[in-house]
Amino acid sequence: MPNRKDDVYGDHISAKFNDELTELKTQFLNMGGMVESQVEQALQALVDSDSQLAEQVRLGDKKVDKMEMDLDEEAILVIARRQPTARDLRLVISVIKMVADLERVGDEAKKIAKMAIKLAEEGQAPRGYVEIRHIGNHVLAMLHDALDAFARLDSEQALRIMKEDKQVDEEYQAAARTLLTFMMEDTRNITRCMMVMWVLRALERIGDHACNIAEHVIFMAKGEDVRHSPMEEAERVVGR
């Protein structure tokens, strides 16, 4: 359940302002759902060697870019029209920043799709697909949970996502070491393994962006910026 004391938005004298903030949040979640689907489809295209699906992901990136521009414009208009107080300004500014993270997640999905096409052309599944599935499922869950934390303004769930980012980093490093060993054993595998490494790196970056969104959720809920802060400080902010 969301932390009810964090739910401080959506209660204004102006019903129109309520509607504008609700629409902003809805558009953000729609973009988040689109990006989440892009990542999922890119991974599916990779493991299934489905170049057609991968091409659909690449083309879908233009729609993500359009959603980013539309959301930025809407957020700026809300600021210009309503001159929001500190509490609401935190929401609007955070949405602008989180939209940038979502757009970059879309970029990473596009990179994975490109690698999926190249690997399908290679015709031989290289090492690293097990790691891709594992890390891919992990970062997809983080992204989904970050969007859910935003929807419910749940700072406690956001904190849990921040803690998972370190685990993803460790999983990425372990997978990279395995692939490096495999390349050293047989240099014929270098090209394919490097493509897999780029996919793993893209997934690790998606985890970073999910963590960024979680940090903004805490900022919206608690009014304190926990970016670049020790985990203990984030725990203190969420716990108060």
C-alpha atoms as a PDB file:
ATOM      1  CA  MET A   1       0.000   0.000   0.000  1.00  0.00           C
ATOM      2  CA  PRO A   2       1.244   3.545  -0.691  1.00  0.00           C
ATOM      3  CA  ASN A   3       2.441   5.676   2.149  1.00  0.00           C
ATOM      4  CA  ARG A   4      -0.670   7.828   2.643  1.00  0.00           C
ATOM      5  CA  LYS A   5       1.182  10.661   4.328  1.00  0.00           C
ATOM      6  CA  ASP A   6       3.165  11.073   1.098  1.00  0.00           C
ATOM      7  CA  ASP A   7       0.013  11.673  -0.970  1.00  0.00           C
ATOM      8  CA  VAL A   8       0.100  15.469  -0.980  1.00  0.00           C
ATOM      9  CA  TYR A   9      -0.944  16.247  -4.560  1.00  0.00           C
ATOM     10  CA  GLY A  10      -4.285  16.667  -6.259  1.00  0.00           C
ATOM     11  CA  ASP A  11      -6.145  18.883  -3.793  1.00  0.00           C
ATOM     12  CA  HIS A  12      -6.442  22.442  -5.068  1.00  0.00           C
ATOM     13  CA  ILE A  13      -9.017  25.203  -4.980  1.00  0.00           C
ATOM     14  CA  SER A  14      -8.968  25.262  -8.781  1.00  0.00           C
ATOM     15  CA  ALA A  15     -10.551  22.138 -10.255  1.00  0.00           C
ATOM     16  CA  LYS A  16      -8.879  23.020 -13.555  1.00  0.00           C
ATOM     17  CA  PHE A  17      -5.453  22.909 -11.890  1.00  0.00           C
ATOM     18  CA  ASN A  18      -6.294  19.486 -10.449  1.00  0.00           C
ATOM     19  CA  ASP A  19      -7.228  18.329 -13.941  1.00  0.00           C
ATOM     20  CA  GLU A  20      -4.004  19.675 -15.437  1.00  0.00           C
ATOM     21  CA  LEU A  21      -1.828  17.916 -12.848  1.00  0.00           C
ATOM     22  CA  THR A  22      -3.788  14.690 -13.267  1.00  0.00           C
ATOM     23  CA  GLU A  23      -3.368  14.879 -17.039  1.00  0.00           C
ATOM     24  CA  LEU A  24       0.361  15.495 -16.647  1.00  0.00           C
ATOM     25  CA  LYS A  25       0.713  12.421 -14.439  1.00  0.00           C
ATOM     26  CA  THR A  26      -1.417  10.343 -16.814  1.00  0.00           C
ATOM     27  CA  GLN A  27       0.671  11.336 -19.840  1.00  0.00           C
ATOM     28  CA  PHE A  28       3.848  10.483 -17.950  1.00  0.00           C
ATOM     29  CA  LEU A  29       2.542   7.029 -17.029  1.00  0.00           C
ATOM     30  CA  ASN A  30       1.434   6.451 -20.625  1.00  0.00           C
ATOM     31  CA  MET A  31       4.936   7.269 -21.816  1.00  0.00           C
ATOM     32  CA  GLY A  32       6.341   4.991 -19.121  1.00  0.00           C
ATOM     33  CA  GLY A  33       4.135   2.132 -20.315  1.00  0.00           C
ATOM     34  CA  MET A  34       5.282   2.722 -23.889  1.00  0.00           C
ATOM     35  CA  VAL A  35       8.955   2.678 -22.925  1.00  0.00           C
ATOM     36  CA  GLU A  36       8.516  -0.390 -20.738  1.00  0.00           C
ATOM     37  CA  SER A  37       6.977  -2.196 -23.707  1.00  0.00           C
ATOM     38  CA  GLN A  38       9.851  -1.069 -25.948  1.00  0.00           C
ATOM     39  CA  VAL A  39      12.425  -2.640 -23.618  1.00  0.00           C
ATOM     40  CA  GLU A  40      10.429  -5.853 -23.289  1.00  0.00           C
ATOM     41  CA  GLN A  41      10.002  -6.190 -27.049  1.00  0.00           C
ATOM     42  CA  ALA A  42      13.676  -5.410 -27.726  1.00  0.00           C
ATOM     43  CA  LEU A  43      14.727  -8.201 -25.374  1.00  0.00           C
ATOM     44  CA  GLN A  44      12.208 -10.580 -26.941  1.00  0.00           C
ATOM     45  CA  ALA A  45      13.516  -9.722 -30.404  1.00  0.00           C
ATOM     46  CA  LEU A  46      17.049 -10.435 -29.239  1.00  0.00           C
ATOM     47  CA  VAL A  47      16.475 -13.851 -27.675  1.00  0.00           C
ATOM     48  CA  ASP A  48      14.151 -14.954 -30.516  1.00  0.00           C
ATOM     49  CA  SER A  49      16.397 -13.557 -33.292  1.00  0.00           C
ATOM     50  CA  ASP A  50      13.339 -11.652 -34.513  1.00  0.00           C
ATOM     51  CA  SER A  51      14.628  -8.857 -36.743  1.00  0.00           C
ATOM     52  CA  GLN A  52      11.112  -7.726 -37.682  1.00  0.00           C
ATOM     53  CA  LEU A  53      10.161  -7.117 -34.044  1.00  0.00           C
ATOM     54  CA  ALA A  54      13.486  -5.377 -33.466  1.00  0.00           C
ATOM     55  CA  GLU A  55      12.777  -3.040 -36.379  1.00  0.00           C
ATOM     56  CA  GLN A  56       9.378  -2.191 -34.854  1.00  0.00           C
ATOM     57  CA  VAL A  57      11.170  -1.169 -31.652  1.00  0.00           C
ATOM     58  CA  ARG A  58      13.548   1.039 -33.594  1.00  0.00           C
ATOM     59  CA  LEU A  59      10.677   2.786 -35.353  1.00  0.00           C
ATOM     60  CA  GLY A  60       8.803   3.167 -32.071  1.00  0.00           C
ATOM     61  CA  ASP A  61      11.590   5.339 -30.690  1.00  0.00           C
ATOM     62  CA  LYS A  62      10.256   8.270 -32.727  1.00  0.00           C
ATOM     63  CA  LYS A  63       6.930   8.006 -30.899  1.00  0.00           C
ATOM     64  CA  VAL A  64       8.759   8.072 -27.557  1.00  0.00           C
ATOM     65  CA  ASP A  65      10.630  11.205 -28.625  1.00  0.00           C
ATOM     66  CA  LYS A  66       7.332  12.862 -29.593  1.00  0.00           C
ATOM     67  CA  MET A  67       5.802  11.974 -26.218  1.00  0.00           C
ATOM     68  CA  GLU A  68       8.809  13.531 -24.475  1.00  0.00           C
ATOM     69  CA  MET A  69       8.410  16.820 -26.346  1.00  0.00           C
ATOM     70  CA  ASP A  70       4.649  16.929 -25.742  1.00  0.00           C
ATOM     71  CA  LEU A  71       5.077  16.305 -22.020  1.00  0.00           C
ATOM     72  CA  ASP A  72       7.780  18.938 -21.688  1.00  0.00           C
ATOM     73  CA  GLU A  73       5.544  21.469 -23.431  1.00  0.00           C
ATOM     74  CA  GLU A  74       2.567  20.617 -21.216  1.00  0.00           C
ATOM     75  CA  ALA A  75       4.663  20.894 -18.044  1.00  0.00           C
ATOM     76  CA  ILE A  76       5.991  24.311 -19.085  1.00  0.00           C
ATOM     77  CA  LEU A  77       2.446  25.498 -19.810  1.00  0.00           C
ATOM     78  CA  VAL A  78       1.304  24.385 -16.354  1.00  0.00           C
ATOM     79  CA  ILE A  79       4.094  26.435 -14.774  1.00  0.00           C
ATOM     80  CA  ALA A  80       3.270  29.472 -16.932  1.00  0.00           C
ATOM     81  CA  ARG A  81      -0.482  29.312 -16.340  1.00  0.00           C
ATOM     82  CA  ARG A  82      -0.595  28.375 -12.659  1.00  0.00           C
ATOM     83  CA  GLN A  83       2.685  29.612 -11.165  1.00  0.00           C
ATOM     84  CA  PRO A  84       2.556  26.624  -8.796  1.00  0.00           C
ATOM     85  CA  THR A  85       3.660  26.763  -5.183  1.00  0.00           C
ATOM     86  CA  ALA A  86       6.686  24.787  -3.989  1.00  0.00           C
ATOM     87  CA  ARG A  87       4.807  21.533  -3.471  1.00  0.00           C
ATOM     88  CA  ASP A  88       3.261  21.465  -6.949  1.00  0.00           C
ATOM     89  CA  LEU A  89       6.381  22.867  -8.559  1.00  0.00           C
ATOM     90  CA  ARG A  90       8.271  19.831  -7.235  1.00  0.00           C
ATOM     91  CA  LEU A  91       5.835  17.599  -9.089  1.00  0.00           C
ATOM     92  CA  VAL A  92       6.036  19.473 -12.387  1.00  0.00           C
ATOM     93  CA  ILE A  93       9.826  19.855 -12.381  1.00  0.00           C
ATOM     94  CA  SER A  94      10.270  16.214 -11.369  1.00  0.00           C
ATOM     95  CA  VAL A  95       8.062  15.102 -14.249  1.00  0.00           C
ATOM     96  CA  ILE A  96      10.218  17.084 -16.683  1.00  0.00           C
ATOM     97  CA  LYS A  97      13.353  15.376 -15.349  1.00  0.00           C
ATOM     98  CA  MET A  98      11.787  11.909 -15.214  1.00  0.00           C
ATOM     99  CA  VAL A  99      10.544  12.275 -18.794  1.00  0.00           C
ATOM    100  CA  ALA A 100      14.177  12.720 -19.823  1.00  0.00           C
ATOM    101  CA  ASP A 101      15.013   9.446 -18.052  1.00  0.00           C
ATOM    102  CA  LEU A 102      12.183   7.662 -19.860  1.00  0.00           C
ATOM    103  CA  GLU A 103      13.377   9.008 -23.208  1.00  0.00           C
ATOM    104  CA  ARG A 104      16.854   7.658 -22.473  1.00  0.00           C
ATOM    105  CA  VAL A 105      15.380   4.277 -21.561  1.00  0.00           C
ATOM    106  CA  GLY A 106      13.757   4.356 -24.990  1.00  0.00           C
ATOM    107  CA  ASP A 107      17.166   5.082 -26.512  1.00  0.00           C
ATOM    108  CA  GLU A 108      18.627   2.058 -24.709  1.00  0.00           C
ATOM    109  CA  ALA A 109      15.785  -0.118 -26.016  1.00  0.00           C
ATOM    110  CA  LYS A 110      16.619   1.106 -29.521  1.00  0.00           C
ATOM    111  CA  LYS A 111      20.278   0.130 -28.991  1.00  0.00           C
ATOM    112  CA  ILE A 112      19.219  -3.354 -27.883  1.00  0.00           C
ATOM    113  CA  ALA A 113      17.016  -3.640 -30.974  1.00  0.00           C
ATOM    114  CA  LYS A 114      19.960  -2.714 -33.213  1.00  0.00           C
ATOM    115  CA  MET A 115      22.105  -5.379 -31.570  1.00  0.00           C
ATOM    116  CA  ALA A 116      19.244  -7.876 -31.962  1.00  0.00           C
ATOM    117  CA  ILE A 117      19.258  -7.297 -35.724  1.00  0.00           C
ATOM    118  CA  LYS A 118      23.041  -7.665 -35.962  1.00  0.00           C
ATOM    119  CA  LEU A 119      23.113 -10.800 -33.819  1.00  0.00           C
ATOM    120  CA  ALA A 120      20.290 -12.341 -35.862  1.00  0.00           C
ATOM    121  CA  GLU A 121      22.401 -11.769 -38.966  1.00  0.00           C
ATOM    122  CA  GLU A 122      25.314 -13.569 -37.282  1.00  0.00           C
ATOM    123  CA  GLY A 123      23.067 -16.632 -37.102  1.00  0.00           C
ATOM    124  CA  GLN A 124      24.627 -18.153 -34.004  1.00  0.00           C
ATOM    125  CA  ALA A 125      23.500 -17.448 -30.476  1.00  0.00           C
ATOM    126  CA  PRO A 126      26.535 -16.363 -28.450  1.00  0.00           C
ATOM    127  CA  ARG A 127      27.189 -16.701 -24.774  1.00  0.00           C
ATOM    128  CA  GLY A 128      25.489 -14.230 -22.461  1.00  0.00           C
ATOM    129  CA  TYR A 129      21.828 -14.750 -23.332  1.00  0.00           C
ATOM    130  CA  VAL A 130      21.091 -16.280 -19.930  1.00  0.00           C
ATOM    131  CA  GLU A 131      22.581 -13.199 -18.273  1.00  0.00           C
ATOM    132  CA  ILE A 132      20.621 -10.920 -20.611  1.00  0.00           C
ATOM    133  CA  ARG A 133      17.347 -12.598 -19.633  1.00  0.00           C
ATOM    134  CA  HIS A 134      18.178 -12.372 -15.933  1.00  0.00           C
ATOM    135  CA  ILE A 135      19.336  -8.760 -15.875  1.00  0.00           C
ATOM    136  CA  GLY A 136      16.653  -7.788 -18.369  1.00  0.00           C
ATOM    137  CA  ASN A 137      13.895  -9.146 -16.130  1.00  0.00           C
ATOM    138  CA  HIS A 138      15.457  -7.382 -13.149  1.00  0.00           C
ATOM    139  CA  VAL A 139      15.629  -3.924 -14.716  1.00  0.00           C
ATOM    140  CA  LEU A 140      12.168  -4.293 -16.252  1.00  0.00           C
ATOM    141  CA  ALA A 141      10.796  -4.997 -12.779  1.00  0.00           C
ATOM    142  CA  MET A 142      12.663  -1.958 -11.430  1.00  0.00           C
ATOM    143  CA  LEU A 143      11.246   0.264 -14.173  1.00  0.00           C
ATOM    144  CA  HIS A 144       7.722  -1.034 -13.608  1.00  0.00           C
ATOM    145  CA  ASP A 145       8.009  -0.545  -9.854  1.00  0.00           C
ATOM    146  CA  ALA A 146       9.418   2.972 -10.307  1.00  0.00           C
ATOM    147  CA  LEU A 147       6.408   3.931 -12.421  1.00  0.00           C
ATOM    148  CA  ASP A 148       4.108   2.365  -9.839  1.00  0.00           C
ATOM    149  CA  ALA A 149       5.871   4.273  -7.049  1.00  0.00           C
ATOM    150  CA  PHE A 150       5.257   7.487  -8.992  1.00  0.00           C
ATOM    151  CA  ALA A 151       1.594   6.656  -9.568  1.00  0.00           C
ATOM    152  CA  ARG A 152       1.059   6.046  -5.852  1.00  0.00           C
ATOM    153  CA  LEU A 153       3.689   8.535  -4.635  1.00  0.00           C
ATOM    154  CA  ASP A 154       5.174   5.700  -2.582  1.00  0.00           C
ATOM    155  CA  SER A 155       8.536   6.786  -1.190  1.00  0.00           C
ATOM    156  CA  GLU A 156       9.132   3.458   0.559  1.00  0.00           C
ATOM    157  CA  GLN A 157       8.871   1.537  -2.704  1.00  0.00           C
ATOM    158  CA  ALA A 158      11.101   4.126  -4.356  1.00  0.00           C
ATOM    159  CA  LEU A 159      13.729   3.510  -1.687  1.00  0.00           C
ATOM    160  CA  ARG A 160      13.628  -0.241  -2.378  1.00  0.00           C
ATOM    161  CA  ILE A 161      14.293   0.446  -6.070  1.00  0.00           C
ATOM    162  CA  MET A 162      17.304   2.582  -5.185  1.00  0.00           C
ATOM    163  CA  LYS A 163      18.731  -0.296  -3.161  1.00  0.00           C
ATOM    164  CA  GLU A 164      18.294  -2.713  -6.082  1.00  0.00           C
ATOM    165  CA  ASP A 165      20.450  -0.594  -8.382  1.00  0.00           C
ATOM    166  CA  LYS A 166      23.619  -1.800  -6.668  1.00  0.00           C
ATOM    167  CA  GLN A 167      22.573  -5.406  -7.228  1.00  0.00           C
ATOM    168  CA  VAL A 168      22.074  -4.766 -10.946  1.00  0.00           C
ATOM    169  CA  ASP A 169      25.546  -3.212 -11.142  1.00  0.00           C
ATOM    170  CA  GLU A 170      27.013  -6.332  -9.536  1.00  0.00           C
ATOM    171  CA  GLU A 171      25.111  -8.619 -11.916  1.00  0.00           C
ATOM    172  CA  TYR A 172      26.343  -6.604 -14.888  1.00  0.00           C
ATOM    173  CA  GLN A 173      29.968  -6.763 -13.727  1.00  0.00           C
ATOM    174  CA  ALA A 174      29.761 -10.526 -13.171  1.00  0.00           C
ATOM    175  CA  ALA A 175      28.287 -11.072 -16.642  1.00  0.00           C
ATOM    176  CA  ALA A 176      30.947  -8.850 -18.220  1.00  0.00           C
ATOM    177  CA  ARG A 177      33.734 -10.857 -16.551  1.00  0.00           C
ATOM    178  CA  THR A 178      32.234 -14.105 -17.862  1.00  0.00           C
ATOM    179  CA  LEU A 179      32.097 -12.775 -21.415  1.00  0.00           C
ATOM    180  CA  LEU A 180      35.643 -11.426 -21.252  1.00  0.00           C
ATOM    181  CA  THR A 181      36.876 -14.858 -20.208  1.00  0.00           C
ATOM    182  CA  PHE A 182      34.991 -16.462 -23.094  1.00  0.00           C
ATOM    183  CA  MET A 183      36.508 -13.996 -25.583  1.00  0.00           C
ATOM    184  CA  MET A 184      40.003 -14.689 -24.283  1.00  0.00           C
ATOM    185  CA  GLU A 185      39.488 -18.410 -24.740  1.00  0.00           C
ATOM    186  CA  ASP A 186      38.455 -18.078 -28.383  1.00  0.00           C
ATOM    187  CA  THR A 187      39.020 -14.829 -30.305  1.00  0.00           C
ATOM    188  CA  ARG A 188      36.443 -15.874 -32.918  1.00  0.00           C
ATOM    189  CA  ASN A 189      33.783 -14.997 -30.348  1.00  0.00           C
ATOM    190  CA  ILE A 190      34.922 -11.398 -29.851  1.00  0.00           C
ATOM    191  CA  THR A 191      32.526  -9.680 -32.264  1.00  0.00           C
ATOM    192  CA  ARG A 192      29.402 -11.468 -31.049  1.00  0.00           C
ATOM    193  CA  CYS A 193      30.362 -11.169 -27.400  1.00  0.00           C
ATOM    194  CA  MET A 194      31.013  -7.452 -27.746  1.00  0.00           C
ATOM    195  CA  MET A 195      27.474  -7.027 -29.074  1.00  0.00           C
ATOM    196  CA  VAL A 196      26.159  -8.890 -26.027  1.00  0.00           C
ATOM    197  CA  MET A 197      28.298  -6.657 -23.806  1.00  0.00           C
ATOM    198  CA  TRP A 198      26.653  -3.578 -25.351  1.00  0.00           C
ATOM    199  CA  VAL A 199      23.230  -5.074 -24.626  1.00  0.00           C
ATOM    200  CA  LEU A 200      24.201  -5.746 -21.014  1.00  0.00           C
ATOM    201  CA  ARG A 201      25.498  -2.204 -20.698  1.00  0.00           C
ATOM    202  CA  ALA A 202      22.222  -0.850 -22.071  1.00  0.00           C
ATOM    203  CA  LEU A 203      20.305  -2.881 -19.481  1.00  0.00           C
ATOM    204  CA  GLU A 204      22.531  -1.600 -16.694  1.00  0.00           C
ATOM    205  CA  ARG A 205      21.796   1.951 -17.818  1.00  0.00           C
ATOM    206  CA  ILE A 206      18.054   1.235 -17.795  1.00  0.00           C
ATOM    207  CA  GLY A 207      18.447   0.214 -14.159  1.00  0.00           C
ATOM    208  CA  ASP A 208      20.179   3.544 -13.497  1.00  0.00           C
ATOM    209  CA  HIS A 209      17.286   5.465 -15.051  1.00  0.00           C
ATOM    210  CA  ALA A 210      14.749   3.519 -12.987  1.00  0.00           C
ATOM    211  CA  CYS A 211      16.764   4.483  -9.918  1.00  0.00           C
ATOM    212  CA  ASN A 212      16.736   8.136 -11.028  1.00  0.00           C
ATOM    213  CA  ILE A 213      12.942   8.052 -11.272  1.00  0.00           C
ATOM    214  CA  ALA A 214      12.765   6.554  -7.787  1.00  0.00           C
ATOM    215  CA  GLU A 215      14.925   9.391  -6.429  1.00  0.00           C
ATOM    216  CA  HIS A 216      12.539  11.940  -7.945  1.00  0.00           C
ATOM    217  CA  VAL A 217       9.573  10.172  -6.359  1.00  0.00           C
ATOM    218  CA  ILE A 218      11.207  10.608  -2.952  1.00  0.00           C
ATOM    219  CA  PHE A 219      11.814  14.277  -3.756  1.00  0.00           C
ATOM    220  CA  MET A 220       8.161  14.761  -4.661  1.00  0.00           C
ATOM    221  CA  ALA A 221       6.926  12.923  -1.591  1.00  0.00           C
ATOM    222  CA  LYS A 222       9.357  14.262   0.988  1.00  0.00           C
ATOM    223  CA  GLY A 223      10.648  17.522  -0.424  1.00  0.00           C
ATOM    224  CA  GLU A 224      14.322  16.522  -0.068  1.00  0.00           C
ATOM    225  CA  ASP A 225      16.713  15.727  -2.899  1.00  0.00           C
ATOM    226  CA  VAL A 226      18.438  12.384  -2.229  1.00  0.00           C
ATOM    227  CA  ARG A 227      20.442  12.290  -5.452  1.00  0.00           C
ATOM    228  CA  HIS A 228      24.156  11.744  -4.846  1.00  0.00           C
ATOM    229  CA  SER A 229      23.401  11.087  -1.166  1.00  0.00           C
ATOM    230  CA  PRO A 230      24.481   8.032   0.840  1.00  0.00           C
ATOM    231  CA  MET A 231      21.809   5.355   1.155  1.00  0.00           C
ATOM    232  CA  GLU A 232      21.615   6.082   4.875  1.00  0.00           C
ATOM    233  CA  GLU A 233      20.499   9.641   4.103  1.00  0.00           C
ATOM    234  CA  ALA A 234      17.781   8.403   1.742  1.00  0.00           C
ATOM    235  CA  GLU A 235      16.587   5.999   4.432  1.00  0.00           C
ATOM    236  CA  ARG A 236      16.437   8.857   6.924  1.00  0.00           C
ATOM    237  CA  VAL A 237      14.410  11.036   4.563  1.00  0.00           C
ATOM    238  CA  VAL A 238      11.915   8.274   3.740  1.00  0.00           C
ATOM    239  CA  GLY A 239      11.605   7.174   7.351  1.00  0.00           C
ATOM    240  CA  ARG A 240      10.739  10.568   8.824  1.00  0.00           C
END
